[in-house]
Amino acid sequence: MPSKRFKLIVAVMAVLTVATYIAEPFVGARSYDELRPAAPFALATIDGTTFSLGEHNRSVILLDFMATWCPPCRETTHQLQTVRATNLAGAVKIVSVDVDFTETSDQLAQFRISVAGYNGSAEADGWYFALDTPGEYVGPKYGANALPTLVLVDTQGNIRHSWIGITQASEIQRAIDEALRPA
């Protein structure tokens, strides 16, 4: 039979582990410079179209791995509104991918209205909303093991930058500007 002290130590470690996991997105974004090929994917959007990474290779693509219930994801979406307003739809496309397989298109559409500010399709503005699917598993292909995760894909189809946690629009915009500069 474990002692009371042992049980207390295990309980404290469990609480600290859970607290670290919950607080991680709020403590500050981690940022990674990369240059590796982006994994191809195609996802059905909530507007009935299909977003295929290969069909948008003349644009910079910002992948936003999120879930509607995630408070840091909501804040990141507000930052993405600023990024979206700063860039032409043809030059930069945002793809918000809900990685929670339990969520529905209706929930994501409601999120788009209440948080992103779009009452209807945002695809004409270059912002796509899609649910990840068990057959495609886009999130894991891009290392989205924490929410929110942003991944910037350049016009050559390479991952240029990744962020985990809440990321400011100015930091995202700097990476976009760099990706748009001619080589």
C-alpha atoms as a PDB file:
ATOM      1  CA  MET A   1       0.000   0.000   0.000  1.00  0.00           C
ATOM      2  CA  PRO A   2       1.554   3.346  -1.069  1.00  0.00           C
ATOM      3  CA  SER A   3       2.227   5.864   1.676  1.00  0.00           C
ATOM      4  CA  LYS A   4       0.368   9.179   1.990  1.00  0.00           C
ATOM      5  CA  ARG A   5       3.561  11.019   1.070  1.00  0.00           C
ATOM      6  CA  PHE A   6       3.958   8.985  -2.140  1.00  0.00           C
ATOM      7  CA  LYS A   7       0.318   9.660  -3.096  1.00  0.00           C
ATOM      8  CA  LEU A   8       0.822  13.382  -2.460  1.00  0.00           C
ATOM      9  CA  ILE A   9       3.946  13.472  -4.653  1.00  0.00           C
ATOM     10  CA  VAL A  10       2.153  11.657  -7.472  1.00  0.00           C
ATOM     11  CA  ALA A  11      -0.852  14.003  -7.168  1.00  0.00           C
ATOM     12  CA  VAL A  12       1.371  17.112  -7.291  1.00  0.00           C
ATOM     13  CA  MET A  13       3.240  15.780 -10.331  1.00  0.00           C
ATOM     14  CA  ALA A  14      -0.063  15.051 -12.092  1.00  0.00           C
ATOM     15  CA  VAL A  15      -1.366  18.558 -11.375  1.00  0.00           C
ATOM     16  CA  LEU A  16       1.879  20.146 -12.624  1.00  0.00           C
ATOM     17  CA  THR A  17       1.797  18.045 -15.783  1.00  0.00           C
ATOM     18  CA  VAL A  18      -1.788  19.047 -16.569  1.00  0.00           C
ATOM     19  CA  ALA A  19      -1.091  22.713 -15.724  1.00  0.00           C
ATOM     20  CA  THR A  20       1.928  22.756 -18.049  1.00  0.00           C
ATOM     21  CA  TYR A  21      -0.109  21.237 -20.875  1.00  0.00           C
ATOM     22  CA  ILE A  22      -2.952  23.737 -20.408  1.00  0.00           C
ATOM     23  CA  ALA A  23      -0.695  26.793 -20.029  1.00  0.00           C
ATOM     24  CA  GLU A  24       1.724  25.975 -22.860  1.00  0.00           C
ATOM     25  CA  PRO A  25      -0.092  27.896 -25.640  1.00  0.00           C
ATOM     26  CA  PHE A  26      -0.459  30.967 -23.398  1.00  0.00           C
ATOM     27  CA  VAL A  27       3.184  31.264 -22.369  1.00  0.00           C
ATOM     28  CA  GLY A  28       4.338  32.402 -25.753  1.00  0.00           C
ATOM     29  CA  ALA A  29       4.661  31.015 -29.207  1.00  0.00           C
ATOM     30  CA  ARG A  30       7.577  28.913 -30.244  1.00  0.00           C
ATOM     31  CA  SER A  31       8.842  29.717 -33.673  1.00  0.00           C
ATOM     32  CA  TYR A  32      10.842  27.541 -36.058  1.00  0.00           C
ATOM     33  CA  ASP A  33      12.586  28.449 -39.312  1.00  0.00           C
ATOM     34  CA  GLU A  34      12.468  25.515 -41.691  1.00  0.00           C
ATOM     35  CA  LEU A  35      12.987  24.656 -45.313  1.00  0.00           C
ATOM     36  CA  ARG A  36      11.531  21.294 -46.195  1.00  0.00           C
ATOM     37  CA  PRO A  37       8.931  20.129 -48.711  1.00  0.00           C
ATOM     38  CA  ALA A  38       5.321  20.506 -47.607  1.00  0.00           C
ATOM     39  CA  ALA A  39       3.275  17.309 -47.589  1.00  0.00           C
ATOM     40  CA  PRO A  40       0.572  17.303 -50.283  1.00  0.00           C
ATOM     41  CA  PHE A  41      -3.049  17.209 -49.154  1.00  0.00           C
ATOM     42  CA  ALA A  42      -6.590  17.915 -50.288  1.00  0.00           C
ATOM     43  CA  LEU A  43      -9.422  18.750 -47.896  1.00  0.00           C
ATOM     44  CA  ALA A  44     -13.083  19.488 -48.466  1.00  0.00           C
ATOM     45  CA  THR A  45     -13.896  22.962 -47.199  1.00  0.00           C
ATOM     46  CA  ILE A  46     -17.070  23.784 -45.307  1.00  0.00           C
ATOM     47  CA  ASP A  47     -18.194  25.734 -48.380  1.00  0.00           C
ATOM     48  CA  GLY A  48     -18.242  22.616 -50.549  1.00  0.00           C
ATOM     49  CA  THR A  49     -15.020  23.162 -52.500  1.00  0.00           C
ATOM     50  CA  THR A  50     -11.767  21.237 -52.189  1.00  0.00           C
ATOM     51  CA  PHE A  51      -8.541  22.927 -51.134  1.00  0.00           C
ATOM     52  CA  SER A  52      -5.560  21.118 -52.622  1.00  0.00           C
ATOM     53  CA  LEU A  53      -2.120  22.403 -51.709  1.00  0.00           C
ATOM     54  CA  GLY A  54      -0.741  21.576 -55.174  1.00  0.00           C
ATOM     55  CA  GLU A  55      -3.315  23.772 -56.924  1.00  0.00           C
ATOM     56  CA  HIS A  56      -2.207  26.894 -55.042  1.00  0.00           C
ATOM     57  CA  ASN A  57       1.540  26.762 -55.644  1.00  0.00           C
ATOM     58  CA  ARG A  58       1.723  30.359 -56.883  1.00  0.00           C
ATOM     59  CA  SER A  59       0.566  31.617 -53.480  1.00  0.00           C
ATOM     60  CA  VAL A  60       2.034  31.627 -50.013  1.00  0.00           C
ATOM     61  CA  ILE A  61      -0.139  29.326 -47.885  1.00  0.00           C
ATOM     62  CA  LEU A  62      -0.604  29.835 -44.160  1.00  0.00           C
ATOM     63  CA  LEU A  63      -1.947  26.665 -42.550  1.00  0.00           C
ATOM     64  CA  ASP A  64      -3.760  27.251 -39.263  1.00  0.00           C
ATOM     65  CA  PHE A  65      -4.257  24.045 -37.267  1.00  0.00           C
ATOM     66  CA  MET A  66      -6.933  24.790 -34.704  1.00  0.00           C
ATOM     67  CA  ALA A  67     -10.116  23.695 -32.917  1.00  0.00           C
ATOM     68  CA  THR A  68     -13.231  25.765 -32.240  1.00  0.00           C
ATOM     69  CA  TRP A  69     -13.119  25.139 -28.469  1.00  0.00           C
ATOM     70  CA  CYS A  70      -9.492  26.298 -28.103  1.00  0.00           C
ATOM     71  CA  PRO A  71      -9.133  29.829 -26.553  1.00  0.00           C
ATOM     72  CA  PRO A  72      -5.585  30.386 -27.935  1.00  0.00           C
ATOM     73  CA  CYS A  73      -6.905  29.386 -31.374  1.00  0.00           C
ATOM     74  CA  ARG A  74      -9.547  32.095 -31.117  1.00  0.00           C
ATOM     75  CA  GLU A  75      -6.867  34.691 -30.352  1.00  0.00           C
ATOM     76  CA  THR A  76      -4.739  33.438 -33.237  1.00  0.00           C
ATOM     77  CA  THR A  77      -7.775  33.763 -35.535  1.00  0.00           C
ATOM     78  CA  HIS A  78      -8.026  37.433 -34.549  1.00  0.00           C
ATOM     79  CA  GLN A  79      -4.349  37.838 -35.492  1.00  0.00           C
ATOM     80  CA  LEU A  80      -5.046  36.097 -38.810  1.00  0.00           C
ATOM     81  CA  GLN A  81      -7.795  38.649 -39.532  1.00  0.00           C
ATOM     82  CA  THR A  82      -5.088  41.324 -39.494  1.00  0.00           C
ATOM     83  CA  VAL A  83      -2.841  39.226 -41.737  1.00  0.00           C
ATOM     84  CA  ARG A  84      -5.739  38.597 -44.138  1.00  0.00           C
ATOM     85  CA  ALA A  85      -6.533  42.328 -44.345  1.00  0.00           C
ATOM     86  CA  THR A  86      -2.881  43.152 -45.094  1.00  0.00           C
ATOM     87  CA  ASN A  87      -2.371  40.764 -48.018  1.00  0.00           C
ATOM     88  CA  LEU A  88      -3.990  40.223 -51.400  1.00  0.00           C
ATOM     89  CA  ALA A  89      -6.103  37.068 -51.584  1.00  0.00           C
ATOM     90  CA  GLY A  90      -4.146  35.777 -54.581  1.00  0.00           C
ATOM     91  CA  ALA A  91      -0.757  36.244 -52.941  1.00  0.00           C
ATOM     92  CA  VAL A  92      -1.521  34.740 -49.532  1.00  0.00           C
ATOM     93  CA  LYS A  93      -4.103  32.097 -48.720  1.00  0.00           C
ATOM     94  CA  ILE A  94      -5.057  31.031 -45.205  1.00  0.00           C
ATOM     95  CA  VAL A  95      -6.363  27.537 -44.551  1.00  0.00           C
ATOM     96  CA  SER A  96      -7.848  27.036 -41.087  1.00  0.00           C
ATOM     97  CA  VAL A  97      -7.930  23.286 -40.487  1.00  0.00           C
ATOM     98  CA  ASP A  98      -9.992  22.076 -37.539  1.00  0.00           C
ATOM     99  CA  VAL A  99      -8.098  19.024 -36.281  1.00  0.00           C
ATOM    100  CA  ASP A 100     -10.738  17.900 -33.773  1.00  0.00           C
ATOM    101  CA  PHE A 101     -12.390  14.927 -35.478  1.00  0.00           C
ATOM    102  CA  THR A 102     -15.474  15.262 -33.215  1.00  0.00           C
ATOM    103  CA  GLU A 103     -16.391  18.699 -34.553  1.00  0.00           C
ATOM    104  CA  THR A 104     -18.810  19.282 -37.424  1.00  0.00           C
ATOM    105  CA  SER A 105     -18.969  21.619 -40.392  1.00  0.00           C
ATOM    106  CA  ASP A 106     -21.763  23.523 -38.639  1.00  0.00           C
ATOM    107  CA  GLN A 107     -19.555  24.135 -35.602  1.00  0.00           C
ATOM    108  CA  LEU A 108     -16.715  25.364 -37.806  1.00  0.00           C
ATOM    109  CA  ALA A 109     -19.120  27.591 -39.776  1.00  0.00           C
ATOM    110  CA  GLN A 110     -20.365  29.095 -36.503  1.00  0.00           C
ATOM    111  CA  PHE A 111     -16.746  29.668 -35.444  1.00  0.00           C
ATOM    112  CA  ARG A 112     -16.073  31.414 -38.764  1.00  0.00           C
ATOM    113  CA  ILE A 113     -19.021  33.764 -38.124  1.00  0.00           C
ATOM    114  CA  SER A 114     -18.410  34.493 -34.452  1.00  0.00           C
ATOM    115  CA  VAL A 115     -14.594  34.592 -34.339  1.00  0.00           C
ATOM    116  CA  ALA A 116     -13.294  35.217 -37.866  1.00  0.00           C
ATOM    117  CA  GLY A 117     -16.097  37.641 -38.704  1.00  0.00           C
ATOM    118  CA  TYR A 118     -17.239  35.986 -41.941  1.00  0.00           C
ATOM    119  CA  ASN A 119     -20.968  35.424 -42.354  1.00  0.00           C
ATOM    120  CA  GLY A 120     -20.692  33.099 -45.337  1.00  0.00           C
ATOM    121  CA  SER A 121     -17.815  31.953 -47.493  1.00  0.00           C
ATOM    122  CA  ALA A 122     -14.428  33.572 -47.012  1.00  0.00           C
ATOM    123  CA  GLU A 123     -12.838  31.776 -49.952  1.00  0.00           C
ATOM    124  CA  ALA A 124     -13.054  34.803 -52.268  1.00  0.00           C
ATOM    125  CA  ASP A 125     -10.871  36.589 -49.708  1.00  0.00           C
ATOM    126  CA  GLY A 126      -8.396  33.707 -49.709  1.00  0.00           C
ATOM    127  CA  TRP A 127      -9.421  32.196 -46.350  1.00  0.00           C
ATOM    128  CA  TYR A 128     -10.527  28.566 -46.395  1.00  0.00           C
ATOM    129  CA  PHE A 129     -12.065  26.637 -43.497  1.00  0.00           C
ATOM    130  CA  ALA A 130     -11.884  22.840 -43.498  1.00  0.00           C
ATOM    131  CA  LEU A 131     -12.171  19.869 -41.169  1.00  0.00           C
ATOM    132  CA  ASP A 132      -9.229  17.486 -41.025  1.00  0.00           C
ATOM    133  CA  THR A 133     -10.323  13.947 -41.808  1.00  0.00           C
ATOM    134  CA  PRO A 134      -9.164  10.587 -40.512  1.00  0.00           C
ATOM    135  CA  GLY A 135      -8.265   9.632 -44.092  1.00  0.00           C
ATOM    136  CA  GLU A 136      -6.076  12.697 -44.720  1.00  0.00           C
ATOM    137  CA  TYR A 137      -4.570  13.463 -41.280  1.00  0.00           C
ATOM    138  CA  VAL A 138      -3.172  16.814 -42.386  1.00  0.00           C
ATOM    139  CA  GLY A 139      -2.392  17.979 -38.838  1.00  0.00           C
ATOM    140  CA  PRO A 140       0.034  15.141 -38.060  1.00  0.00           C
ATOM    141  CA  LYS A 141       1.684  15.485 -41.495  1.00  0.00           C
ATOM    142  CA  TYR A 142       2.682  19.006 -40.471  1.00  0.00           C
ATOM    143  CA  GLY A 143       3.596  18.242 -36.866  1.00  0.00           C
ATOM    144  CA  ALA A 144       0.546  19.959 -35.369  1.00  0.00           C
ATOM    145  CA  ASN A 145       0.714  18.322 -31.956  1.00  0.00           C
ATOM    146  CA  ALA A 146      -0.292  21.452 -30.023  1.00  0.00           C
ATOM    147  CA  LEU A 147      -2.952  24.071 -30.691  1.00  0.00           C
ATOM    148  CA  PRO A 148      -2.752  26.451 -32.354  1.00  0.00           C
ATOM    149  CA  THR A 149      -0.025  25.564 -34.825  1.00  0.00           C
ATOM    150  CA  LEU A 150       0.680  27.758 -37.861  1.00  0.00           C
ATOM    151  CA  VAL A 151       2.750  26.581 -40.822  1.00  0.00           C
ATOM    152  CA  LEU A 152       3.884  28.873 -43.649  1.00  0.00           C
ATOM    153  CA  VAL A 153       4.347  27.233 -47.070  1.00  0.00           C
ATOM    154  CA  ASP A 154       6.120  29.275 -49.750  1.00  0.00           C
ATOM    155  CA  THR A 155       5.331  29.492 -53.470  1.00  0.00           C
ATOM    156  CA  GLN A 156       7.774  26.642 -54.156  1.00  0.00           C
ATOM    157  CA  GLY A 157       5.857  24.266 -51.882  1.00  0.00           C
ATOM    158  CA  ASN A 158       8.369  24.357 -49.031  1.00  0.00           C
ATOM    159  CA  ILE A 159       7.635  24.884 -45.366  1.00  0.00           C
ATOM    160  CA  ARG A 160       9.383  28.111 -44.453  1.00  0.00           C
ATOM    161  CA  HIS A 161       8.247  28.706 -40.899  1.00  0.00           C
ATOM    162  CA  SER A 162       6.163  27.158 -38.103  1.00  0.00           C
ATOM    163  CA  TRP A 163       4.730  28.595 -34.905  1.00  0.00           C
ATOM    164  CA  ILE A 164       3.167  26.875 -31.909  1.00  0.00           C
ATOM    165  CA  GLY A 165       0.948  28.938 -29.616  1.00  0.00           C
ATOM    166  CA  ILE A 166      -0.502  32.416 -29.956  1.00  0.00           C
ATOM    167  CA  THR A 167       1.448  34.325 -32.605  1.00  0.00           C
ATOM    168  CA  GLN A 168       1.248  38.037 -33.282  1.00  0.00           C
ATOM    169  CA  ALA A 169       0.197  39.247 -36.734  1.00  0.00           C
ATOM    170  CA  SER A 170       3.405  41.290 -37.099  1.00  0.00           C
ATOM    171  CA  GLU A 171       5.564  38.174 -36.677  1.00  0.00           C
ATOM    172  CA  ILE A 172       3.485  36.232 -39.193  1.00  0.00           C
ATOM    173  CA  GLN A 173       3.596  39.143 -41.630  1.00  0.00           C
ATOM    174  CA  ARG A 174       7.407  39.347 -41.445  1.00  0.00           C
ATOM    175  CA  ALA A 175       7.642  35.681 -42.450  1.00  0.00           C
ATOM    176  CA  ILE A 176       5.099  36.181 -45.253  1.00  0.00           C
ATOM    177  CA  ASP A 177       7.030  39.189 -46.593  1.00  0.00           C
ATOM    178  CA  GLU A 178      10.210  37.126 -46.594  1.00  0.00           C
ATOM    179  CA  ALA A 179       8.480  34.250 -48.407  1.00  0.00           C
ATOM    180  CA  LEU A 180       7.094  36.646 -51.034  1.00  0.00           C
ATOM    181  CA  ARG A 181      10.504  38.220 -51.775  1.00  0.00           C
ATOM    182  CA  PRO A 182      12.022  37.013 -55.025  1.00  0.00           C
ATOM    183  CA  ALA A 183      14.902  34.612 -54.510  1.00  0.00           C
END
